[in-house]
């Protein structure tokens, strides 16, 4: 199975809190769409930039891309 990493970037002083909150919405979407989450997380890049990410099977790329508009998509 080929995997893709879908990433959302948040900027500002509260970026980590926002990225962590985004994970709740991501989990809800993946559950509703019956898409298996292979990995999910958030990470502080620096004082003002954080990300949230999901790793999933690449066969769901179009569904995720169209519905959730990730900022970055990469091979995992």
C-alpha atoms as a PDB file:
ATOM      1  CA  UNK A   1       0.000   0.000   0.000  1.00  0.00           C
ATOM      2  CA  UNK A   2       1.386   3.389  -0.987  1.00  0.00           C
ATOM      3  CA  UNK A   3       0.916   6.067   1.646  1.00  0.00           C
ATOM      4  CA  UNK A   4       0.550   9.834   1.484  1.00  0.00           C
ATOM      5  CA  UNK A   5       1.105  12.439   4.168  1.00  0.00           C
ATOM      6  CA  UNK A   6      -1.439  15.273   4.196  1.00  0.00           C
ATOM      7  CA  UNK A   7      -0.265  18.371   6.069  1.00  0.00           C
ATOM      8  CA  UNK A   8      -1.956  21.569   7.232  1.00  0.00           C
ATOM      9  CA  UNK A   9       0.176  24.505   8.394  1.00  0.00           C
ATOM     10  CA  UNK A  10      -0.921  27.050  10.990  1.00  0.00           C
ATOM     11  CA  UNK A  11       0.785  30.345  11.753  1.00  0.00           C
ATOM     12  CA  UNK A  12       0.702  32.641  14.755  1.00  0.00           C
ATOM     13  CA  UNK A  13       1.254  32.585  18.480  1.00  0.00           C
ATOM     14  CA  UNK A  14      -1.490  29.952  19.067  1.00  0.00           C
ATOM     15  CA  UNK A  15      -0.554  27.805  16.067  1.00  0.00           C
ATOM     16  CA  UNK A  16       0.085  24.646  18.111  1.00  0.00           C
ATOM     17  CA  UNK A  17      -3.310  24.838  19.845  1.00  0.00           C
ATOM     18  CA  UNK A  18      -4.976  25.316  16.473  1.00  0.00           C
ATOM     19  CA  UNK A  19      -3.056  22.394  14.931  1.00  0.00           C
ATOM     20  CA  UNK A  20      -4.016  20.143  17.850  1.00  0.00           C
ATOM     21  CA  UNK A  21      -7.673  21.193  17.544  1.00  0.00           C
ATOM     22  CA  UNK A  22      -7.569  20.521  13.793  1.00  0.00           C
ATOM     23  CA  UNK A  23      -6.768  16.878  14.578  1.00  0.00           C
ATOM     24  CA  UNK A  24     -10.227  16.510  16.180  1.00  0.00           C
ATOM     25  CA  UNK A  25     -11.889  17.591  12.945  1.00  0.00           C
ATOM     26  CA  UNK A  26      -9.603  15.366  10.882  1.00  0.00           C
ATOM     27  CA  UNK A  27     -10.477  12.332  13.019  1.00  0.00           C
ATOM     28  CA  UNK A  28     -14.199  13.086  12.619  1.00  0.00           C
ATOM     29  CA  UNK A  29     -13.883  13.347   8.834  1.00  0.00           C
ATOM     30  CA  UNK A  30     -11.861  10.148   8.466  1.00  0.00           C
ATOM     31  CA  UNK A  31     -14.303   8.243  10.670  1.00  0.00           C
ATOM     32  CA  UNK A  32     -17.317   9.559   8.746  1.00  0.00           C
ATOM     33  CA  UNK A  33     -15.712   8.700   5.386  1.00  0.00           C
ATOM     34  CA  UNK A  34     -14.479   5.311   6.664  1.00  0.00           C
ATOM     35  CA  UNK A  35     -10.856   6.091   5.766  1.00  0.00           C
ATOM     36  CA  UNK A  36      -8.235   4.405   7.914  1.00  0.00           C
ATOM     37  CA  UNK A  37      -5.775   6.753   9.616  1.00  0.00           C
ATOM     38  CA  UNK A  38      -2.305   5.210   9.532  1.00  0.00           C
ATOM     39  CA  UNK A  39      -0.810   8.024  11.627  1.00  0.00           C
ATOM     40  CA  UNK A  40      -1.953  11.423  12.865  1.00  0.00           C
ATOM     41  CA  UNK A  41      -0.239  14.145  14.802  1.00  0.00           C
ATOM     42  CA  UNK A  42       0.725  17.740  15.324  1.00  0.00           C
ATOM     43  CA  UNK A  43       4.147  19.318  15.597  1.00  0.00           C
ATOM     44  CA  UNK A  44       5.537  22.698  16.558  1.00  0.00           C
ATOM     45  CA  UNK A  45       7.964  23.856  13.863  1.00  0.00           C
ATOM     46  CA  UNK A  46       8.975  27.081  15.608  1.00  0.00           C
ATOM     47  CA  UNK A  47       7.463  29.707  17.905  1.00  0.00           C
ATOM     48  CA  UNK A  48       4.918  30.799  15.297  1.00  0.00           C
ATOM     49  CA  UNK A  49       4.439  27.809  12.969  1.00  0.00           C
ATOM     50  CA  UNK A  50       2.855  24.414  13.690  1.00  0.00           C
ATOM     51  CA  UNK A  51       1.425  21.636  11.558  1.00  0.00           C
ATOM     52  CA  UNK A  52      -1.129  18.890  11.825  1.00  0.00           C
ATOM     53  CA  UNK A  53      -0.830  15.850   9.587  1.00  0.00           C
ATOM     54  CA  UNK A  54      -2.503  12.599   8.633  1.00  0.00           C
ATOM     55  CA  UNK A  55      -0.967   9.625   6.862  1.00  0.00           C
ATOM     56  CA  UNK A  56      -3.409   7.553   4.813  1.00  0.00           C
ATOM     57  CA  UNK A  57      -3.554   5.249   1.800  1.00  0.00           C
ATOM     58  CA  UNK A  58      -2.943   7.208  -1.401  1.00  0.00           C
ATOM     59  CA  UNK A  59      -6.135   5.813  -2.967  1.00  0.00           C
ATOM     60  CA  UNK A  60      -8.019   8.395  -0.858  1.00  0.00           C
ATOM     61  CA  UNK A  61      -5.911  11.343  -2.070  1.00  0.00           C
ATOM     62  CA  UNK A  62      -8.608  12.932  -4.252  1.00  0.00           C
ATOM     63  CA  UNK A  63     -11.278  12.620  -1.547  1.00  0.00           C
ATOM     64  CA  UNK A  64      -9.024  14.159   1.098  1.00  0.00           C
ATOM     65  CA  UNK A  65      -7.635  16.832  -1.227  1.00  0.00           C
ATOM     66  CA  UNK A  66     -11.058  17.986  -2.413  1.00  0.00           C
ATOM     67  CA  UNK A  67     -12.767  17.935   0.980  1.00  0.00           C
ATOM     68  CA  UNK A  68     -10.031  19.105   3.339  1.00  0.00           C
ATOM     69  CA  UNK A  69      -7.681  21.190   1.153  1.00  0.00           C
ATOM     70  CA  UNK A  70      -4.353  20.180   2.745  1.00  0.00           C
ATOM     71  CA  UNK A  71      -1.541  22.694   2.321  1.00  0.00           C
ATOM     72  CA  UNK A  72       0.993  19.984   1.457  1.00  0.00           C
ATOM     73  CA  UNK A  73       0.806  16.401   0.166  1.00  0.00           C
ATOM     74  CA  UNK A  74       3.874  14.187   0.123  1.00  0.00           C
ATOM     75  CA  UNK A  75       4.816  10.533  -0.178  1.00  0.00           C
ATOM     76  CA  UNK A  76       5.390   8.906   3.161  1.00  0.00           C
END
